[in-house]
Amino acid sequence: MEDAVDKVERLQESITLGKSKLDDLKEKEEGAYEREDESDKKSSFLAQEVHEKVSTAEEKEREVANLERYKEEINAEINDVKCRINEVHSEMEKLQDCMDDLY
């Protein structure tokens, strides 16, 4: 009979230990779910931040392209003005030569 009593006590201790381990596992599982939720929130936040930064970068690239085009237009105008100035100087030199020949 004592064997049966000892066996019952061991089984009860084993059951108690099993319940304790099960409770620990449940707590760890809850912690894991909380960490997973936190990771999902961080991931969503970072994805949104990346999207915003990419949008901003694309907008800045478009602005740069517009400024580059404007710069090219200005440089073309400057080159045209330089050519006209050279043409006027050339005309003035020709006129000066004509004036020199007349006098």
PDB file of N, CA and C in Angstrom:
ATOM      1  N   MET A   1       0.813  -1.186   0.000  1.00  0.00           N
ATOM      2  CA  MET A   1       0.000   0.000   0.000  1.00  0.00           C
ATOM      3  C   MET A   1       0.866   1.262   0.000  1.00  0.00           C
ATOM      4  N   GLU A   2       1.977   1.126   0.729  1.00  0.00           N
ATOM      5  CA  GLU A   2       2.853   2.300   0.755  1.00  0.00           C
ATOM      6  C   GLU A   2       3.415   2.568  -0.628  1.00  0.00           C
ATOM      7  N   ASP A   3       3.627   1.522  -1.391  1.00  0.00           N
ATOM      8  CA  ASP A   3       4.083   1.718  -2.768  1.00  0.00           C
ATOM      9  C   ASP A   3       3.063   2.522  -3.558  1.00  0.00           C
ATOM     10  N   ALA A   4       1.809   2.214  -3.375  1.00  0.00           N
ATOM     11  CA  ALA A   4       0.745   2.920  -4.082  1.00  0.00           C
ATOM     12  C   ALA A   4       0.689   4.353  -3.623  1.00  0.00           C
ATOM     13  N   VAL A   5       0.856   4.587  -2.296  1.00  0.00           N
ATOM     14  CA  VAL A   5       0.822   5.955  -1.768  1.00  0.00           C
ATOM     15  C   VAL A   5       2.011   6.732  -2.317  1.00  0.00           C
ATOM     16  N   ASP A   6       3.177   6.116  -2.320  1.00  0.00           N
ATOM     17  CA  ASP A   6       4.360   6.787  -2.873  1.00  0.00           C
ATOM     18  C   ASP A   6       4.169   7.093  -4.359  1.00  0.00           C
ATOM     19  N   LYS A   7       3.599   6.114  -5.047  1.00  0.00           N
ATOM     20  CA  LYS A   7       3.361   6.301  -6.468  1.00  0.00           C
ATOM     21  C   LYS A   7       2.380   7.441  -6.709  1.00  0.00           C
ATOM     22  N   VAL A   8       1.319   7.534  -5.896  1.00  0.00           N
ATOM     23  CA  VAL A   8       0.342   8.615  -6.016  1.00  0.00           C
ATOM     24  C   VAL A   8       1.019   9.952  -5.744  1.00  0.00           C
ATOM     25  N   GLU A   9       1.853  10.012  -4.707  1.00  0.00           N
ATOM     26  CA  GLU A   9       2.557  11.267  -4.374  1.00  0.00           C
ATOM     27  C   GLU A   9       3.483  11.683  -5.525  1.00  0.00           C
ATOM     28  N   ARG A  10       4.204  10.717  -6.074  1.00  0.00           N
ATOM     29  CA  ARG A  10       5.095  11.017  -7.199  1.00  0.00           C
ATOM     30  C   ARG A  10       4.293  11.499  -8.402  1.00  0.00           C
ATOM     31  N   LEU A  11       3.163  10.860  -8.660  1.00  0.00           N
ATOM     32  CA  LEU A  11       2.313  11.282  -9.775  1.00  0.00           C
ATOM     33  C   LEU A  11       1.764  12.685  -9.543  1.00  0.00           C
ATOM     34  N   GLN A  12       1.362  12.967  -8.286  1.00  0.00           N
ATOM     35  CA  GLN A  12       0.850  14.307  -7.967  1.00  0.00           C
ATOM     36  C   GLN A  12       1.958  15.346  -8.130  1.00  0.00           C
ATOM     37  N   GLU A  13       3.179  15.021  -7.696  1.00  0.00           N
ATOM     38  CA  GLU A  13       4.310  15.934  -7.868  1.00  0.00           C
ATOM     39  C   GLU A  13       4.590  16.128  -9.363  1.00  0.00           C
ATOM     40  N   SER A  14       4.506  15.034 -10.098  1.00  0.00           N
ATOM     41  CA  SER A  14       4.735  15.105 -11.535  1.00  0.00           C
ATOM     42  C   SER A  14       3.672  15.967 -12.213  1.00  0.00           C
ATOM     43  N   ILE A  15       2.423  15.806 -11.789  1.00  0.00           N
ATOM     44  CA  ILE A  15       1.325  16.610 -12.332  1.00  0.00           C
ATOM     45  C   ILE A  15       1.524  18.078 -11.962  1.00  0.00           C
ATOM     46  N   THR A  16       1.893  18.342 -10.713  1.00  0.00           N
ATOM     47  CA  THR A  16       2.139  19.715 -10.271  1.00  0.00           C
ATOM     48  C   THR A  16       3.280  20.332 -11.065  1.00  0.00           C
ATOM     49  N   LEU A  17       4.352  19.575 -11.236  1.00  0.00           N
ATOM     50  CA  LEU A  17       5.496  20.057 -12.013  1.00  0.00           C
ATOM     51  C   LEU A  17       5.083  20.307 -13.467  1.00  0.00           C
ATOM     52  N   GLY A  18       4.281  19.406 -14.033  1.00  0.00           N
ATOM     53  CA  GLY A  18       3.790  19.569 -15.403  1.00  0.00           C
ATOM     54  C   GLY A  18       2.930  20.812 -15.540  1.00  0.00           C
ATOM     55  N   LYS A  19       2.046  21.045 -14.552  1.00  0.00           N
ATOM     56  CA  LYS A  19       1.209  22.255 -14.590  1.00  0.00           C
ATOM     57  C   LYS A  19       2.067  23.507 -14.504  1.00  0.00           C
ATOM     58  N   SER A  20       3.089  23.455 -13.642  1.00  0.00           N
ATOM     59  CA  SER A  20       3.982  24.602 -13.488  1.00  0.00           C
ATOM     60  C   SER A  20       4.702  24.894 -14.802  1.00  0.00           C
ATOM     61  N   LYS A  21       5.199  23.822 -15.442  1.00  0.00           N
ATOM     62  CA  LYS A  21       5.878  24.006 -16.724  1.00  0.00           C
ATOM     63  C   LYS A  21       4.917  24.524 -17.788  1.00  0.00           C
ATOM     64  N   LEU A  22       3.683  24.026 -17.764  1.00  0.00           N
ATOM     65  CA  LEU A  22       2.669  24.487 -18.706  1.00  0.00           C
ATOM     66  C   LEU A  22       2.369  25.970 -18.496  1.00  0.00           C
ATOM     67  N   ASP A  23       2.256  26.390 -17.222  1.00  0.00           N
ATOM     68  CA  ASP A  23       2.027  27.816 -16.926  1.00  0.00           C
ATOM     69  C   ASP A  23       3.198  28.656 -17.420  1.00  0.00           C
ATOM     70  N   ASP A  24       4.423  28.169 -17.200  1.00  0.00           N
ATOM     71  CA  ASP A  24       5.599  28.900 -17.680  1.00  0.00           C
ATOM     72  C   ASP A  24       5.573  29.037 -19.208  1.00  0.00           C
ATOM     73  N   LEU A  25       5.214  27.935 -19.863  1.00  0.00           N
ATOM     74  CA  LEU A  25       5.129  27.980 -21.325  1.00  0.00           C
ATOM     75  C   LEU A  25       4.064  28.953 -21.806  1.00  0.00           C
ATOM     76  N   LYS A  26       2.926  28.992 -21.104  1.00  0.00           N
ATOM     77  CA  LYS A  26       1.867  29.940 -21.471  1.00  0.00           C
ATOM     78  C   LYS A  26       2.351  31.375 -21.328  1.00  0.00           C
ATOM     79  N   GLU A  27       3.080  31.663 -20.250  1.00  0.00           N
ATOM     80  CA  GLU A  27       3.621  33.012 -20.046  1.00  0.00           C
ATOM     81  C   GLU A  27       4.615  33.354 -21.156  1.00  0.00           C
ATOM     82  N   LYS A  28       5.480  32.399 -21.466  1.00  0.00           N
ATOM     83  CA  LYS A  28       6.459  32.640 -22.533  1.00  0.00           C
ATOM     84  C   LYS A  28       5.757  32.863 -23.870  1.00  0.00           C
ATOM     85  N   GLU A  29       4.680  32.104 -24.115  1.00  0.00           N
ATOM     86  CA  GLU A  29       3.927  32.258 -25.354  1.00  0.00           C
ATOM     87  C   GLU A  29       3.294  33.647 -25.427  1.00  0.00           C
ATOM     88  N   GLU A  30       2.723  34.103 -24.313  1.00  0.00           N
ATOM     89  CA  GLU A  30       2.137  35.446 -24.281  1.00  0.00           C
ATOM     90  C   GLU A  30       3.208  36.500 -24.546  1.00  0.00           C
ATOM     91  N   GLY A  31       4.377  36.305 -23.929  1.00  0.00           N
ATOM     92  CA  GLY A  31       5.485  37.233 -24.168  1.00  0.00           C
ATOM     93  C   GLY A  31       5.901  37.237 -25.619  1.00  0.00           C
ATOM     94  N   ALA A  32       5.915  36.061 -26.222  1.00  0.00           N
ATOM     95  CA  ALA A  32       6.293  35.957 -27.631  1.00  0.00           C
ATOM     96  C   ALA A  32       5.273  36.678 -28.507  1.00  0.00           C
ATOM     97  N   TYR A  33       3.987  36.519 -28.190  1.00  0.00           N
ATOM     98  CA  TYR A  33       2.952  37.222 -28.957  1.00  0.00           C
ATOM     99  C   TYR A  33       3.102  38.734 -28.807  1.00  0.00           C
ATOM    100  N   GLU A  34       3.402  39.183 -27.590  1.00  0.00           N
ATOM    101  CA  GLU A  34       3.583  40.625 -27.369  1.00  0.00           C
ATOM    102  C   GLU A  34       4.784  41.135 -28.155  1.00  0.00           C
ATOM    103  N   ARG A  35       5.894  40.367 -28.146  1.00  0.00           N
ATOM    104  CA  ARG A  35       7.077  40.785 -28.910  1.00  0.00           C
ATOM    105  C   ARG A  35       6.786  40.777 -30.408  1.00  0.00           C
ATOM    106  N   GLU A  36       6.017  39.793 -30.849  1.00  0.00           N
ATOM    107  CA  GLU A  36       5.659  39.732 -32.264  1.00  0.00           C
ATOM    108  C   GLU A  36       4.799  40.936 -32.649  1.00  0.00           C
ATOM    109  N   ASP A  37       3.836  41.292 -31.798  1.00  0.00           N
ATOM    110  CA  ASP A  37       3.000  42.464 -32.067  1.00  0.00           C
ATOM    111  C   ASP A  37       3.852  43.725 -32.121  1.00  0.00           C
ATOM    112  N   GLU A  38       4.780  43.833 -31.182  1.00  0.00           N
ATOM    113  CA  GLU A  38       5.663  45.008 -31.148  1.00  0.00           C
ATOM    114  C   GLU A  38       6.531  45.048 -32.405  1.00  0.00           C
ATOM    115  N   SER A  39       7.026  43.900 -32.812  1.00  0.00           N
ATOM    116  CA  SER A  39       7.838  43.832 -34.040  1.00  0.00           C
ATOM    117  C   SER A  39       7.005  44.210 -35.256  1.00  0.00           C
ATOM    118  N   ASP A  40       5.765  43.751 -35.308  1.00  0.00           N
ATOM    119  CA  ASP A  40       4.883  44.107 -36.423  1.00  0.00           C
ATOM    120  C   ASP A  40       4.633  45.609 -36.464  1.00  0.00           C
ATOM    121  N   LYS A  41       4.424  46.207 -35.285  1.00  0.00           N
ATOM    122  CA  LYS A  41       4.210  47.663 -35.234  1.00  0.00           C
ATOM    123  C   LYS A  41       5.450  48.401 -35.721  1.00  0.00           C
ATOM    124  N   LYS A  42       6.617  47.959 -35.254  1.00  0.00           N
ATOM    125  CA  LYS A  42       7.864  48.603 -35.678  1.00  0.00           C
ATOM    126  C   LYS A  42       8.064  48.436 -37.175  1.00  0.00           C
ATOM    127  N   SER A  43       7.793  47.249 -37.670  1.00  0.00           N
ATOM    128  CA  SER A  43       7.955  46.974 -39.097  1.00  0.00           C
ATOM    129  C   SER A  43       7.026  47.857 -39.926  1.00  0.00           C
ATOM    130  N   SER A  44       5.783  47.987 -39.488  1.00  0.00           N
ATOM    131  CA  SER A  44       4.824  48.840 -40.207  1.00  0.00           C
ATOM    132  C   SER A  44       5.281  50.293 -40.186  1.00  0.00           C
ATOM    133  N   PHE A  45       5.743  50.747 -39.021  1.00  0.00           N
ATOM    134  CA  PHE A  45       6.218  52.121 -38.889  1.00  0.00           C
ATOM    135  C   PHE A  45       7.400  52.359 -39.827  1.00  0.00           C
ATOM    136  N   LEU A  46       8.356  51.424 -39.807  1.00  0.00           N
ATOM    137  CA  LEU A  46       9.532  51.590 -40.656  1.00  0.00           C
ATOM    138  C   LEU A  46       9.174  51.519 -42.134  1.00  0.00           C
ATOM    139  N   ALA A  47       8.236  50.662 -42.486  1.00  0.00           N
ATOM    140  CA  ALA A  47       7.799  50.592 -43.885  1.00  0.00           C
ATOM    141  C   ALA A  47       7.174  51.916 -44.311  1.00  0.00           C
ATOM    142  N   GLN A  48       6.386  52.512 -43.434  1.00  0.00           N
ATOM    143  CA  GLN A  48       5.772  53.803 -43.736  1.00  0.00           C
ATOM    144  C   GLN A  48       6.852  54.880 -43.872  1.00  0.00           C
ATOM    145  N   GLU A  49       7.838  54.852 -42.973  1.00  0.00           N
ATOM    146  CA  GLU A  49       8.932  55.823 -43.040  1.00  0.00           C
ATOM    147  C   GLU A  49       9.702  55.677 -44.358  1.00  0.00           C
ATOM    148  N   VAL A  50       9.985  54.440 -44.741  1.00  0.00           N
ATOM    149  CA  VAL A  50      10.703  54.203 -45.994  1.00  0.00           C
ATOM    150  C   VAL A  50       9.886  54.736 -47.169  1.00  0.00           C
ATOM    151  N   HIS A  51       8.586  54.463 -47.153  1.00  0.00           N
ATOM    152  CA  HIS A  51       7.721  54.943 -48.238  1.00  0.00           C
ATOM    153  C   HIS A  51       7.764  56.470 -48.316  1.00  0.00           C
ATOM    154  N   GLU A  52       7.681  57.130 -47.164  1.00  0.00           N
ATOM    155  CA  GLU A  52       7.711  58.596 -47.153  1.00  0.00           C
ATOM    156  C   GLU A  52       9.053  59.120 -47.652  1.00  0.00           C
ATOM    157  N   LYS A  53      10.144  58.485 -47.214  1.00  0.00           N
ATOM    158  CA  LYS A  53      11.475  58.936 -47.634  1.00  0.00           C
ATOM    159  C   LYS A  53      11.667  58.722 -49.137  1.00  0.00           C
ATOM    160  N   VAL A  54      11.177  57.600 -49.656  1.00  0.00           N
ATOM    161  CA  VAL A  54      11.288  57.335 -51.090  1.00  0.00           C
ATOM    162  C   VAL A  54      10.481  58.367 -51.870  1.00  0.00           C
ATOM    163  N   SER A  55       9.278  58.681 -51.385  1.00  0.00           N
ATOM    164  CA  SER A  55       8.446  59.689 -52.051  1.00  0.00           C
ATOM    165  C   SER A  55       9.145  61.041 -52.052  1.00  0.00           C
ATOM    166  N   THR A  56       9.727  61.400 -50.914  1.00  0.00           N
ATOM    167  CA  THR A  56      10.440  62.672 -50.813  1.00  0.00           C
ATOM    168  C   THR A  56      11.638  62.686 -51.757  1.00  0.00           C
ATOM    169  N   ALA A  57      12.376  61.578 -51.793  1.00  0.00           N
ATOM    170  CA  ALA A  57      13.543  61.496 -52.674  1.00  0.00           C
ATOM    171  C   ALA A  57      13.127  61.618 -54.144  1.00  0.00           C
ATOM    172  N   GLU A  58      12.031  60.963 -54.513  1.00  0.00           N
ATOM    173  CA  GLU A  58      11.560  61.055 -55.898  1.00  0.00           C
ATOM    174  C   GLU A  58      11.155  62.478 -56.239  1.00  0.00           C
ATOM    175  N   GLU A  59      10.498  63.146 -55.293  1.00  0.00           N
ATOM    176  CA  GLU A  59      10.106  64.543 -55.517  1.00  0.00           C
ATOM    177  C   GLU A  59      11.340  65.417 -55.699  1.00  0.00           C
ATOM    178  N   LYS A  60      12.354  65.203 -54.866  1.00  0.00           N
ATOM    179  CA  LYS A  60      13.587  65.988 -54.972  1.00  0.00           C
ATOM    180  C   LYS A  60      14.293  65.704 -56.299  1.00  0.00           C
ATOM    181  N   GLU A  61      14.259  64.449 -56.744  1.00  0.00           N
ATOM    182  CA  GLU A  61      14.858  64.117 -58.039  1.00  0.00           C
ATOM    183  C   GLU A  61      14.151  64.853 -59.167  1.00  0.00           C
ATOM    184  N   ARG A  62      12.813  64.958 -59.088  1.00  0.00           N
ATOM    185  CA  ARG A  62      12.075  65.708 -60.112  1.00  0.00           C
ATOM    186  C   ARG A  62      12.462  67.189 -60.058  1.00  0.00           C
ATOM    187  N   GLU A  63      12.606  67.716 -58.849  1.00  0.00           N
ATOM    188  CA  GLU A  63      13.007  69.122 -58.714  1.00  0.00           C
ATOM    189  C   GLU A  63      14.392  69.345 -59.316  1.00  0.00           C
ATOM    190  N   VAL A  64      15.300  68.404 -59.055  1.00  0.00           N
ATOM    191  CA  VAL A  64      16.651  68.526 -59.601  1.00  0.00           C
ATOM    192  C   VAL A  64      16.597  68.486 -61.123  1.00  0.00           C
ATOM    193  N   ALA A  65      15.786  67.588 -61.665  1.00  0.00           N
ATOM    194  CA  ALA A  65      15.668  67.491 -63.121  1.00  0.00           C
ATOM    195  C   ALA A  65      15.154  68.803 -63.700  1.00  0.00           C
ATOM    196  N   ASN A  66      14.166  69.418 -63.039  1.00  0.00           N
ATOM    197  CA  ASN A  66      13.641  70.711 -63.509  1.00  0.00           C
ATOM    198  C   ASN A  66      14.726  71.780 -63.440  1.00  0.00           C
ATOM    199  N   LEU A  67      15.483  71.784 -62.348  1.00  0.00           N
ATOM    200  CA  LEU A  67      16.546  72.779 -62.208  1.00  0.00           C
ATOM    201  C   LEU A  67      17.648  72.561 -63.247  1.00  0.00           C
ATOM    202  N   GLU A  68      17.967  71.297 -63.525  1.00  0.00           N
ATOM    203  CA  GLU A  68      18.971  71.001 -64.554  1.00  0.00           C
ATOM    204  C   GLU A  68      18.502  71.504 -65.918  1.00  0.00           C
ATOM    205  N   ARG A  69      17.234  71.271 -66.215  1.00  0.00           N
ATOM    206  CA  ARG A  69      16.676  71.734 -67.490  1.00  0.00           C
ATOM    207  C   ARG A  69      16.716  73.270 -67.548  1.00  0.00           C
ATOM    208  N   TYR A  70      16.351  73.919 -66.455  1.00  0.00           N
ATOM    209  CA  TYR A  70      16.378  75.387 -66.402  1.00  0.00           C
ATOM    210  C   TYR A  70      17.812  75.883 -66.575  1.00  0.00           C
ATOM    211  N   LYS A  71      18.762  75.205 -65.941  1.00  0.00           N
ATOM    212  CA  LYS A  71      20.171  75.587 -66.059  1.00  0.00           C
ATOM    213  C   LYS A  71      20.628  75.472 -67.506  1.00  0.00           C
ATOM    214  N   GLU A  72      20.221  74.396 -68.180  1.00  0.00           N
ATOM    215  CA  GLU A  72      20.586  74.214 -69.585  1.00  0.00           C
ATOM    216  C   GLU A  72      19.995  75.322 -70.447  1.00  0.00           C
ATOM    217  N   GLU A  73      18.754  75.707 -70.159  1.00  0.00           N
ATOM    218  CA  GLU A  73      18.122  76.797 -70.913  1.00  0.00           C
ATOM    219  C   GLU A  73      18.887  78.103 -70.703  1.00  0.00           C
ATOM    220  N   ILE A  74      19.254  78.372 -69.448  1.00  0.00           N
ATOM    221  CA  ILE A  74      19.999  79.602 -69.143  1.00  0.00           C
ATOM    222  C   ILE A  74      21.356  79.577 -69.845  1.00  0.00           C
ATOM    223  N   ASN A  75      22.037  78.435 -69.793  1.00  0.00           N
ATOM    224  CA  ASN A  75      23.337  78.331 -70.471  1.00  0.00           C
ATOM    225  C   ASN A  75      23.188  78.531 -71.976  1.00  0.00           C
ATOM    226  N   ALA A  76      22.122  78.008 -72.553  1.00  0.00           N
ATOM    227  CA  ALA A  76      21.880  78.201 -73.986  1.00  0.00           C
ATOM    228  C   ALA A  76      21.662  79.682 -74.284  1.00  0.00           C
ATOM    229  N   GLU A  77      20.895  80.352 -73.437  1.00  0.00           N
ATOM    230  CA  GLU A  77      20.667  81.793 -73.623  1.00  0.00           C
ATOM    231  C   GLU A  77      21.976  82.565 -73.487  1.00  0.00           C
ATOM    232  N   ILE A  78      22.790  82.205 -72.512  1.00  0.00           N
ATOM    233  CA  ILE A  78      24.082  82.875 -72.323  1.00  0.00           C
ATOM    234  C   ILE A  78      24.955  82.692 -73.562  1.00  0.00           C
ATOM    235  N   ASN A  79      24.980  81.456 -74.088  1.00  0.00           N
ATOM    236  CA  ASN A  79      25.775  81.201 -75.292  1.00  0.00           C
ATOM    237  C   ASN A  79      25.254  82.002 -76.477  1.00  0.00           C
ATOM    238  N   ASP A  80      23.926  82.136 -76.603  1.00  0.00           N
ATOM    239  CA  ASP A  80      23.353  82.953 -77.675  1.00  0.00           C
ATOM    240  C   ASP A  80      23.782  84.413 -77.533  1.00  0.00           C
ATOM    241  N   VAL A  81      23.729  84.916 -76.316  1.00  0.00           N
ATOM    242  CA  VAL A  81      24.113  86.314 -76.074  1.00  0.00           C
ATOM    243  C   VAL A  81      25.591  86.503 -76.389  1.00  0.00           C
ATOM    244  N   LYS A  82      26.411  85.532 -75.998  1.00  0.00           N
ATOM    245  CA  LYS A  82      27.847  85.632 -76.297  1.00  0.00           C
ATOM    246  C   LYS A  82      28.073  85.665 -77.809  1.00  0.00           C
ATOM    247  N   CYS A  83      27.350  84.823 -78.528  1.00  0.00           N
ATOM    248  CA  CYS A  83      27.486  84.813 -79.991  1.00  0.00           C
ATOM    249  C   CYS A  83      27.068  86.159 -80.585  1.00  0.00           C
ATOM    250  N   ARG A  84      25.965  86.715 -80.101  1.00  0.00           N
ATOM    251  CA  ARG A  84      25.508  88.017 -80.607  1.00  0.00           C
ATOM    252  C   ARG A  84      26.531  89.102 -80.284  1.00  0.00           C
ATOM    253  N   ILE A  85      27.095  89.029 -79.066  1.00  0.00           N
ATOM    254  CA  ILE A  85      28.116  90.025 -78.689  1.00  0.00           C
ATOM    255  C   ILE A  85      29.307  89.910 -79.628  1.00  0.00           C
ATOM    256  N   ASN A  86      29.730  88.679 -79.902  1.00  0.00           N
ATOM    257  CA  ASN A  86      30.864  88.485 -80.826  1.00  0.00           C
ATOM    258  C   ASN A  86      30.516  89.005 -82.218  1.00  0.00           C
ATOM    259  N   GLU A  87      29.280  88.768 -82.650  1.00  0.00           N
ATOM    260  CA  GLU A  87      28.855  89.272 -83.952  1.00  0.00           C
ATOM    261  C   GLU A  87      28.873  90.796 -83.974  1.00  0.00           C
ATOM    262  N   VAL A  88      28.406  91.421 -82.912  1.00  0.00           N
ATOM    263  CA  VAL A  88      28.390  92.891 -82.833  1.00  0.00           C
ATOM    264  C   VAL A  88      29.824  93.419 -82.826  1.00  0.00           C
ATOM    265  N   HIS A  89      30.706  92.756 -82.071  1.00  0.00           N
ATOM    266  CA  HIS A  89      32.115  93.184 -82.048  1.00  0.00           C
ATOM    267  C   HIS A  89      32.727  93.068 -83.447  1.00  0.00           C
ATOM    268  N   SER A  90      32.401  91.967 -84.114  1.00  0.00           N
ATOM    269  CA  SER A  90      32.920  91.773 -85.469  1.00  0.00           C
ATOM    270  C   SER A  90      32.406  92.875 -86.400  1.00  0.00           C
ATOM    271  N   GLU A  91      31.127  93.185 -86.291  1.00  0.00           N
ATOM    272  CA  GLU A  91      30.550  94.272 -87.103  1.00  0.00           C
ATOM    273  C   GLU A  91      31.218  95.593 -86.771  1.00  0.00           C
ATOM    274  N   MET A  92      31.455  95.826 -85.483  1.00  0.00           N
ATOM    275  CA  MET A  92      32.092  97.085 -85.078  1.00  0.00           C
ATOM    276  C   MET A  92      33.509  97.172 -85.634  1.00  0.00           C
ATOM    277  N   GLU A  93      34.212  96.054 -85.632  1.00  0.00           N
ATOM    278  CA  GLU A  93      35.569  96.047 -86.192  1.00  0.00           C
ATOM    279  C   GLU A  93      35.533  96.334 -87.695  1.00  0.00           C
ATOM    280  N   LYS A  94      34.552  95.727 -88.379  1.00  0.00           N
ATOM    281  CA  LYS A  94      34.421  95.985 -89.818  1.00  0.00           C
ATOM    282  C   LYS A  94      34.119  97.457 -90.075  1.00  0.00           C
ATOM    283  N   LEU A  95      33.206  98.004 -89.247  1.00  0.00           N
ATOM    284  CA  LEU A  95      32.890  99.425 -89.413  1.00  0.00           C
ATOM    285  C   LEU A  95      34.108 100.304 -89.118  1.00  0.00           C
ATOM    286  N   GLN A  96      34.863  99.883 -88.099  1.00  0.00           N
ATOM    287  CA  GLN A  96      36.063 100.660 -87.754  1.00  0.00           C
ATOM    288  C   GLN A  96      37.058 100.603 -88.894  1.00  0.00           C
ATOM    289  N   ASP A  97      37.186  99.430 -89.508  1.00  0.00           N
ATOM    290  CA  ASP A  97      38.106  99.298 -90.661  1.00  0.00           C
ATOM    291  C   ASP A  97      37.630 100.168 -91.811  1.00  0.00           C
ATOM    292  N   CYS A  98      36.324 100.187 -92.050  1.00  0.00           N
ATOM    293  CA  CYS A  98      35.775 101.033 -93.109  1.00  0.00           C
ATOM    294  C   CYS A  98      36.044 102.514 -92.801  1.00  0.00           C
ATOM    295  N   MET A  99      35.882 102.878 -91.566  1.00  0.00           N
ATOM    296  CA  MET A  99      36.120 104.274 -91.167  1.00  0.00           C
ATOM    297  C   MET A  99      37.596 104.628 -91.354  1.00  0.00           C
ATOM    298  N   ASP A 100      38.446 103.685 -90.988  1.00  0.00           N
ATOM    299  CA  ASP A 100      39.895 103.912 -91.158  1.00  0.00           C
ATOM    300  C   ASP A 100      40.243 104.065 -92.634  1.00  0.00           C
ATOM    301  N   ASP A 101      39.575 103.269 -93.483  1.00  0.00           N
ATOM    302  CA  ASP A 101      39.867 103.340 -94.908  1.00  0.00           C
ATOM    303  C   ASP A 101      39.368 104.682 -95.497  1.00  0.00           C
ATOM    304  N   LEU A 102      38.303 105.225 -94.954  1.00  0.00           N
ATOM    305  CA  LEU A 102      37.771 106.477 -95.464  1.00  0.00           C
ATOM    306  C   LEU A 102      38.641 107.659 -95.058  1.00  0.00           C
ATOM    307  N   TYR A 103      39.286 107.595 -93.988  1.00  0.00           N
ATOM    308  CA  TYR A 103      40.072 108.745 -93.526  1.00  0.00           C
ATOM    309  C   TYR A 103      41.507 108.491 -93.685  1.00  0.00           C
TER     310      TYR A 103
END
